[in-house]
Protein backbone atom coordinates (compact mmCIF):
# COMPACT_ATOMS: atom_id res chain seq x y z
CA MET A 1 114.41 87.45 97.72
CA LEU A 2 113.86 90.19 100.26
CA ARG A 3 112.58 87.81 102.90
CA ASN A 4 115.91 85.97 102.85
CA TYR A 5 117.58 88.85 104.63
CA VAL A 6 114.83 90.67 106.51
CA SER A 7 112.43 89.22 108.96
CA ALA A 8 108.69 89.57 108.71
CA ILE A 9 106.97 90.97 111.76
CA ASN A 10 103.40 91.41 112.84
CA TYR A 11 101.95 94.89 112.36
CA ARG A 12 100.69 94.92 115.95
CA GLU A 13 104.23 94.45 117.23
CA VAL A 14 105.40 97.65 115.53
CA ILE A 15 102.70 100.10 116.54
CA GLU A 16 101.03 98.71 119.64
CA LEU A 17 103.05 101.03 121.86
CA VAL A 18 101.76 104.13 120.13
CA MET A 19 98.23 103.16 119.21
CA LYS A 20 96.39 102.24 122.38
CA SER A 21 93.05 102.69 120.69
CA ARG A 22 91.55 102.91 117.23
CA GLU A 23 91.46 106.69 117.29
CA ILE A 24 94.51 106.83 115.04
CA GLY A 25 92.50 105.23 112.30
CA ILE A 26 94.53 102.15 111.23
CA ALA A 27 93.12 98.75 112.06
CA HIS A 28 95.71 96.30 113.39
CA SER A 29 93.71 93.30 114.55
CA HIS A 30 94.93 90.95 111.84
CA GLU A 31 97.70 88.44 111.29
CA GLN A 32 99.30 89.61 108.04
CA ASP A 33 103.02 90.15 108.38
CA MET A 34 104.86 93.36 107.62
CA ILE A 35 108.48 93.66 106.55
CA GLN A 36 110.76 95.62 108.82
CA VAL A 37 114.56 95.91 108.72
CA LEU A 38 115.37 98.86 110.99
CA MET A 39 113.60 98.83 114.33
CA PRO A 40 112.38 102.02 116.08
CA ASN A 41 115.31 101.81 118.53
CA GLY A 42 117.81 102.04 115.68
CA ASP A 43 118.83 98.36 115.67
CA LEU A 44 118.61 95.96 112.75
CA ARG A 45 116.28 93.01 113.05
CA GLN A 46 118.90 90.98 111.23
CA PRO A 47 121.90 91.73 108.96
CA ILE A 48 121.11 93.06 105.51
CA ASP A 49 124.07 91.34 103.88
CA GLY A 50 125.61 94.34 102.22
CA LYS A 51 122.45 95.35 100.38
CA ILE A 52 122.77 98.90 101.72
CA ASP A 53 126.29 100.27 102.20
CA GLU A 54 127.23 102.99 104.66
CA SER A 55 127.42 105.77 102.09
CA LEU A 56 123.89 104.95 100.91
CA MET A 57 122.64 105.01 104.50
CA VAL A 58 124.02 108.51 104.96
CA GLU A 59 122.51 109.58 101.65
CA MET A 60 119.15 108.24 102.80
CA TYR A 61 119.36 110.30 105.97
CA LYS A 62 120.30 113.44 104.05
CA ASN A 63 117.44 112.97 101.59
CA MET A 64 114.87 112.49 104.34
CA SER A 65 116.16 115.45 106.35
CA PHE A 66 116.27 117.65 103.29
CA ILE A 67 112.72 116.98 102.14
CA ARG A 68 111.45 117.52 105.69
CA LEU A 69 113.09 120.96 105.70
CA PHE A 70 111.46 121.65 102.35
CA ASP A 71 108.10 120.50 103.70
CA ARG A 72 108.26 122.74 106.77
CA LYS A 73 109.43 125.67 104.68
CA SER A 74 106.49 125.19 102.33
CA ILE A 75 104.00 125.25 105.19
CA ASN A 76 105.52 128.52 106.42
CA LEU A 77 105.34 130.00 102.92
CA GLN A 78 101.66 129.12 102.70
CA ARG A 79 100.98 130.74 106.07
CA GLN A 80 102.79 133.86 104.84
CA GLY A 81 100.62 134.03 101.74
CA ARG A 82 103.53 133.31 99.41
CA MET A 83 102.09 129.96 98.25
CA GLY A 84 98.66 128.46 97.86
CA THR A 85 97.14 125.56 99.76
CA TYR A 86 99.83 122.95 100.39
CA ALA A 87 99.78 119.21 101.18
CA PRO A 88 102.36 118.34 103.89
CA PHE A 89 104.06 114.94 104.00
CA GLU A 90 106.01 115.07 107.27
CA GLY A 91 106.15 111.55 108.71
CA GLN A 92 106.22 109.91 105.29
CA GLU A 93 109.84 110.72 104.43
CA ALA A 94 111.05 107.12 104.61
CA SER A 95 108.32 105.97 102.24
CA GLN A 96 108.96 108.73 99.73
CA ALA A 97 112.76 108.93 99.83
CA GLY A 98 113.25 105.18 100.16
CA SER A 99 111.02 104.33 97.21
CA ALA A 100 112.48 107.03 94.95
CA MET A 101 116.06 106.02 95.73
CA ALA A 102 115.30 102.46 94.58
CA LEU A 103 114.38 103.63 91.07
CA SER A 104 116.58 104.00 88.02
CA GLN A 105 116.99 107.37 86.32
CA ASN A 106 114.78 106.46 83.36
CA ASP A 107 111.91 105.01 85.37
CA TRP A 108 108.55 106.75 85.22
CA MET A 109 107.14 108.38 88.36
CA PHE A 110 103.46 109.17 88.78
CA PRO A 111 103.09 111.20 91.99
CA THR A 112 100.09 112.60 93.79
CA TYR A 113 99.81 116.08 95.27
CA ARG A 114 101.57 114.81 98.43
CA ASP A 115 104.58 113.16 96.81
CA HIS A 116 106.81 116.13 96.07
CA GLY A 117 109.38 114.64 98.46
CA ALA A 118 109.67 111.58 96.22
CA ALA A 119 109.78 113.79 93.12
CA LEU A 120 112.62 115.88 94.58
CA VAL A 121 114.63 112.77 95.41
CA HIS A 122 114.02 111.42 91.90
CA GLY A 123 115.40 114.62 90.37
CA GLN A 124 112.66 117.21 90.04
CA GLU A 125 114.02 120.74 90.41
CA MET A 126 112.86 122.32 93.64
CA TYR A 127 112.04 125.71 92.23
CA ARG A 128 109.50 124.01 89.96
CA VAL A 129 107.85 122.40 92.97
CA PHE A 130 107.58 125.83 94.58
CA LEU A 131 106.11 127.19 91.34
CA TYR A 132 103.52 124.42 91.33
CA TRP A 133 102.23 125.41 94.75
CA MET A 134 102.30 129.05 93.70
CA GLY A 135 99.84 128.16 90.94
CA HIS A 136 102.30 128.85 88.14
CA ILE A 137 101.78 127.12 84.81
CA ASP A 138 105.47 126.14 84.67
CA GLY A 139 105.30 124.34 88.01
CA PRO A 140 104.27 120.87 86.80
CA THR A 141 106.88 120.92 84.00
CA CYS A 142 109.27 118.02 84.41
CA THR A 143 112.98 118.62 84.74
CA GLU A 144 114.77 117.86 81.48
CA GLY A 145 115.98 114.29 81.31
CA LYS A 146 113.56 113.08 83.98
CA ARG A 147 110.29 111.19 83.71
CA ILE A 148 108.19 112.67 86.47
CA LEU A 149 104.57 113.34 85.63
CA PRO A 150 102.68 116.35 87.05
CA PRO A 151 101.21 115.72 90.52
CA ALA A 152 97.79 114.09 90.21
CA VAL A 153 95.08 115.83 92.21
CA PRO A 154 92.12 113.65 91.09
CA ILE A 155 92.33 110.59 93.29
CA ALA A 156 93.78 107.42 91.70
CA THR A 157 93.68 108.59 88.08
CA GLN A 158 97.48 108.47 87.80
CA MET A 159 97.43 104.74 88.52
CA LEU A 160 95.88 104.02 85.13
CA HIS A 161 98.46 106.24 83.45
CA ALA A 162 101.25 104.31 85.15
CA VAL A 163 99.84 101.04 83.87
CA GLY A 164 99.62 102.39 80.33
CA THR A 165 103.19 103.67 80.45
CA GLY A 166 104.42 100.37 81.83
CA TRP A 167 102.58 98.52 79.11
CA ALA A 168 104.22 100.75 76.49
CA SER A 169 107.65 99.99 77.96
CA LYS A 170 106.87 96.30 77.74
CA LEU A 171 105.68 96.50 74.12
CA ASN A 172 108.85 98.39 73.20
CA ASN A 173 111.04 95.81 74.96
CA GLU A 174 112.39 98.50 77.30
CA THR A 175 113.60 97.94 80.85
CA ASP A 176 111.99 101.11 82.21
CA ILE A 177 109.29 100.62 84.81
CA SER A 178 106.58 102.88 86.20
CA ILE A 179 105.66 103.58 89.81
CA ALA A 180 102.32 105.00 90.89
CA TYR A 181 102.07 106.70 94.28
CA PHE A 182 98.74 106.87 96.08
CA GLY A 183 97.21 106.95 99.53
CA ASP A 184 94.86 104.63 101.37
CA GLY A 185 91.87 106.72 100.27
CA ALA A 186 92.65 106.00 96.62
CA THR A 187 92.00 102.30 97.18
CA SER A 188 88.31 103.14 97.52
CA GLU A 189 88.24 104.48 93.97
CA GLY A 190 87.29 102.44 90.93
CA ASP A 191 90.48 103.54 89.17
CA PHE A 192 92.50 101.60 91.76
CA HIS A 193 90.79 98.34 90.86
CA GLU A 194 90.85 99.03 87.13
CA ALA A 195 94.57 99.78 87.23
CA LEU A 196 95.42 96.63 89.19
CA ASN A 197 93.22 94.53 86.94
CA MET A 198 94.83 95.84 83.73
CA ALA A 199 98.33 95.52 85.17
CA GLY A 200 97.60 91.93 86.15
CA VAL A 201 96.05 90.99 82.82
CA PHE A 202 98.88 92.45 80.74
CA ASN A 203 101.65 91.72 83.26
CA THR A 204 102.94 95.29 83.12
CA PRO A 205 106.16 96.46 84.80
CA THR A 206 104.30 98.65 87.28
CA ILE A 207 104.79 99.25 90.99
CA PHE A 208 101.72 100.35 92.92
CA PHE A 209 103.08 102.15 95.96
CA CYS A 210 100.44 102.92 98.58
CA GLN A 211 101.37 105.12 101.51
CA ASN A 212 98.78 104.10 104.06
CA ASN A 213 98.99 107.07 106.39
CA GLY A 214 95.81 106.13 108.21
CA TYR A 215 93.38 108.71 106.87
CA ALA A 216 91.62 109.70 103.66
CA ILE A 217 91.48 113.35 104.73
CA SER A 218 89.52 112.78 107.96
CA VAL A 219 88.20 109.27 107.34
CA PRO A 220 90.17 106.56 109.21
CA PHE A 221 91.10 103.46 107.28
CA GLN A 222 88.78 101.06 109.13
CA GLN A 223 85.83 103.21 108.03
CA GLN A 224 86.93 103.02 104.39
CA SER A 225 87.11 99.26 104.01
CA ALA A 226 86.44 95.96 105.76
CA SER A 227 89.81 94.73 104.46
CA LYS A 228 92.35 94.46 107.25
CA THR A 229 95.13 95.53 104.89
CA ILE A 230 95.54 97.08 101.48
CA ALA A 231 98.19 94.57 100.46
CA GLN A 232 95.73 91.69 100.68
CA ARG A 233 93.76 93.17 97.78
CA GLY A 234 96.51 92.18 95.38
CA ALA A 235 95.35 88.57 95.67
CA ALA A 236 92.17 89.38 93.74
CA TYR A 237 94.34 90.26 90.74
CA ASP A 238 96.84 87.44 91.20
CA MET A 239 99.47 90.08 91.90
CA LYS A 240 102.45 89.93 94.21
CA SER A 241 101.74 92.15 97.20
CA VAL A 242 103.87 93.20 100.14
CA ARG A 243 103.26 95.05 103.38
CA VAL A 244 106.19 97.07 104.65
CA ASP A 245 106.94 99.34 107.60
CA GLY A 246 106.71 102.69 105.84
CA ASN A 247 108.69 104.42 108.58
CA ASP A 248 111.70 102.18 107.93
CA ILE A 249 113.66 103.50 104.96
CA PHE A 250 115.78 100.35 104.73
CA ALA A 251 112.70 98.15 104.38
CA VAL A 252 111.04 100.51 101.90
CA TYR A 253 114.15 100.78 99.74
CA LEU A 254 114.76 97.04 99.61
CA THR A 255 111.11 96.23 98.96
CA VAL A 256 110.81 98.68 96.05
CA LEU A 257 114.20 97.60 94.70
CA GLU A 258 113.06 93.99 94.59
CA ALA A 259 109.75 94.95 92.97
CA ALA A 260 111.62 96.95 90.34
CA GLU A 261 113.97 94.07 89.60
CA ARG A 262 111.01 91.71 89.20
CA ALA A 263 109.31 94.14 86.83
CA ARG A 264 112.43 94.55 84.69
CA LYS A 265 112.69 90.78 84.33
CA GLY A 266 109.14 90.57 83.05
CA GLU A 267 107.69 89.15 86.26
CA GLY A 268 104.90 91.70 86.40
CA PRO A 269 103.47 94.29 88.79
CA THR A 270 103.71 94.54 92.56
CA LEU A 271 101.36 96.13 95.07
CA ILE A 272 103.24 97.60 98.05
CA GLU A 273 101.50 98.91 101.14
CA ALA A 274 103.82 101.14 103.14
CA VAL A 275 102.26 101.63 106.58
CA THR A 276 103.15 105.11 107.72
CA TYR A 277 101.59 108.22 109.26
CA ARG A 278 101.26 111.88 108.43
CA PHE A 279 102.10 114.02 111.42
CA GLY A 280 100.29 117.08 110.16
CA ALA A 281 97.14 118.05 108.33
CA HIS A 282 95.80 116.63 105.09
CA THR A 283 96.46 120.07 103.61
CA THR A 284 97.02 123.52 105.05
CA ALA A 285 93.25 124.00 104.61
CA ASP A 286 92.56 121.10 106.99
CA ASP A 287 92.35 120.99 110.78
CA PRO A 288 93.32 117.48 111.97
CA LYS A 289 92.34 118.32 115.56
CA LYS A 290 88.73 117.97 114.49
CA TYR A 291 89.07 114.23 113.88
CA ARG A 292 91.99 113.01 116.04
CA ASP A 293 93.96 113.86 119.17
CA GLN A 294 96.67 115.61 117.18
CA GLU A 295 98.91 116.61 120.06
CA LYS A 296 98.88 113.23 121.78
CA LEU A 297 99.30 111.11 118.66
CA SER A 298 101.94 113.30 117.06
CA LYS A 299 103.98 113.26 120.25
CA GLU A 300 103.82 109.47 120.46
CA TRP A 301 104.72 108.96 116.82
CA ARG A 302 107.57 111.48 116.93
CA GLU A 303 109.04 109.79 119.97
CA THR A 304 108.58 106.24 118.74
CA LEU A 305 108.31 105.94 114.95
CA ASP A 306 109.75 109.12 113.41
CA PRO A 307 111.56 107.73 110.32
CA ILE A 308 114.33 110.34 110.44
CA GLU A 309 115.10 109.88 114.11
CA ARG A 310 115.09 106.11 113.64
CA LEU A 311 117.82 106.25 110.98
CA LYS A 312 119.74 108.96 112.81
CA THR A 313 119.88 106.73 115.88
CA TYR A 314 121.33 103.92 113.79
CA LEU A 315 123.91 106.20 112.14
CA MET A 316 125.00 107.68 115.47
CA LYS A 317 125.38 104.22 116.99
CA HIS A 318 127.72 103.24 114.15
CA ASN A 319 129.68 106.50 114.11
CA LEU A 320 128.40 107.39 110.65
CA TRP A 321 126.88 110.70 111.75
CA ASN A 322 127.39 113.26 114.49
CA GLU A 323 126.04 116.61 115.60
CA GLU A 324 128.77 118.54 113.80
CA LYS A 325 127.86 116.90 110.50
CA GLU A 326 124.21 117.56 111.28
CA LYS A 327 124.83 121.25 111.85
CA THR A 328 126.83 121.63 108.63
CA PHE A 329 124.31 119.70 106.56
CA LEU A 330 121.30 121.64 107.85
CA LYS A 331 122.99 124.96 107.13
CA GLU A 332 123.80 123.94 103.56
CA ALA A 333 120.33 122.51 103.04
CA GLU A 334 118.61 125.67 104.24
CA GLU A 335 120.79 127.77 101.95
CA ARG A 336 119.89 125.57 99.00
CA ILE A 337 116.18 125.80 99.76
CA GLU A 338 116.39 129.59 100.01
CA ALA A 339 118.19 129.79 96.67
CA GLU A 340 115.54 127.64 94.98
CA LEU A 341 112.77 129.72 96.53
CA LYS A 342 114.39 132.93 95.32
CA ARG A 343 114.53 131.48 91.82
CA ALA A 344 110.84 130.62 91.95
CA GLU A 345 109.82 134.02 93.28
CA MET A 346 111.70 135.74 90.45
CA TYR A 347 109.14 134.29 88.03
CA PRO A 348 106.22 136.52 86.94
CA LYS A 349 103.19 136.15 89.16
CA ALA A 350 100.93 133.26 88.18
CA ASN A 351 98.14 134.25 85.78
CA PRO A 352 94.86 132.54 86.77
CA VAL A 353 93.56 132.90 83.20
CA HIS A 354 95.85 129.99 82.31
CA MET A 355 93.45 127.59 84.01
CA PHE A 356 91.31 127.73 80.86
CA ASP A 357 94.19 126.72 78.59
CA HIS A 358 95.70 123.35 77.71
CA VAL A 359 92.53 121.44 78.56
CA TYR A 360 90.92 120.89 75.17
CA ALA A 361 92.48 120.57 71.71
CA GLU A 362 89.63 122.78 70.51
CA THR A 363 88.12 124.95 73.22
CA PRO A 364 84.29 124.56 73.49
CA TRP A 365 82.15 127.68 73.14
CA ASN A 366 81.07 127.67 76.78
CA ILE A 367 84.67 127.56 78.02
CA LYS A 368 85.54 130.42 75.68
CA GLU A 369 82.71 132.47 77.17
CA GLN A 370 83.86 131.71 80.71
CA LYS A 371 87.41 132.66 79.85
CA GLU A 372 86.37 135.95 78.27
CA ALA A 373 84.20 136.84 81.26
CA PHE A 374 86.97 135.97 83.69
CA GLN A 375 89.53 137.96 81.70
CA GLU A 376 87.30 141.02 81.89
CA LEU A 377 86.89 140.69 85.65
CA TYR A 378 90.63 140.14 86.08
CA ARG A 379 91.41 143.15 83.89
CA ARG A 380 89.15 145.35 86.01
CA GLY A 381 90.88 144.20 89.14
CA ASP A 382 88.11 141.97 90.54
CA LYS A 383 90.63 139.40 91.75
């Protein structure tokens, strides 16, 4: 069991230094423990007994660094008018990379609009992710041989799909599991409760992976629920639930790995609450300065709990990484991102008329009328 080789710590102990008040939006006046392996100073709380070897640690660092570069590039592309509205995930790299790396190739991934980092780590082609944010119909298409569903924009709907897929795997006596990604805001939706209830009743091989980044757009967590944690809600469905430091990629990886192993053995679903933080805006259409002290809080989190810096500190201490390797890696990563972007931009421009297609098996008359009217306006150049 995971708790045999990592110690459980109190949530307050991890974030008290950076959250002097409730303005950050995550309540921490409770006693529930949270799993942490790698401390903010780059030291291990206790040995991990060979569960993560050195090569995997380096791969974790590369994955987190790479998806952060992708994330920053995407924001710049949106500002340049080369992509549409974009949902940044900087600060959540450990949660996304760590969880995806714990999956098997045939496992099913149900991401939200903010989980493109996890999708990339799980094998989605980057140019398709660019196409998605460019509004191209080919963007959500899954890479051949992968099982990554299109990003879910409606909140929490993908959780029910993950349960159904997990149930199908169980009925077919398969070992494939499903993982549903969602944020703290999704736990206020009815679909969240319906999904957990069904998964509990039918004992499906499903992992519910919540990235509690503190805000549902601008609403802080303590204004969403009287629950002190999200993990505690699993008790209502007699479901194993775990709270983990979402900025600690070692803890995230090991927690998801254990949940996946339980699911494959027929031991049912797991609810995981990864406590993390998004450094930036909810989307590029959002202004976080309107609801939090963005400069102050981002500075504190970057200096204290940045998941990439935390792992880099550990690697440097153990001579597994150095600045020369960093320079070489970043250069290669940037070149790869540019190549994928070029591939995406070679596609024909997205046609907005496609938004009327692939919705109904038989298109209703009113949708046909709307499509015809829109096509006429588009043809005339009223774009």
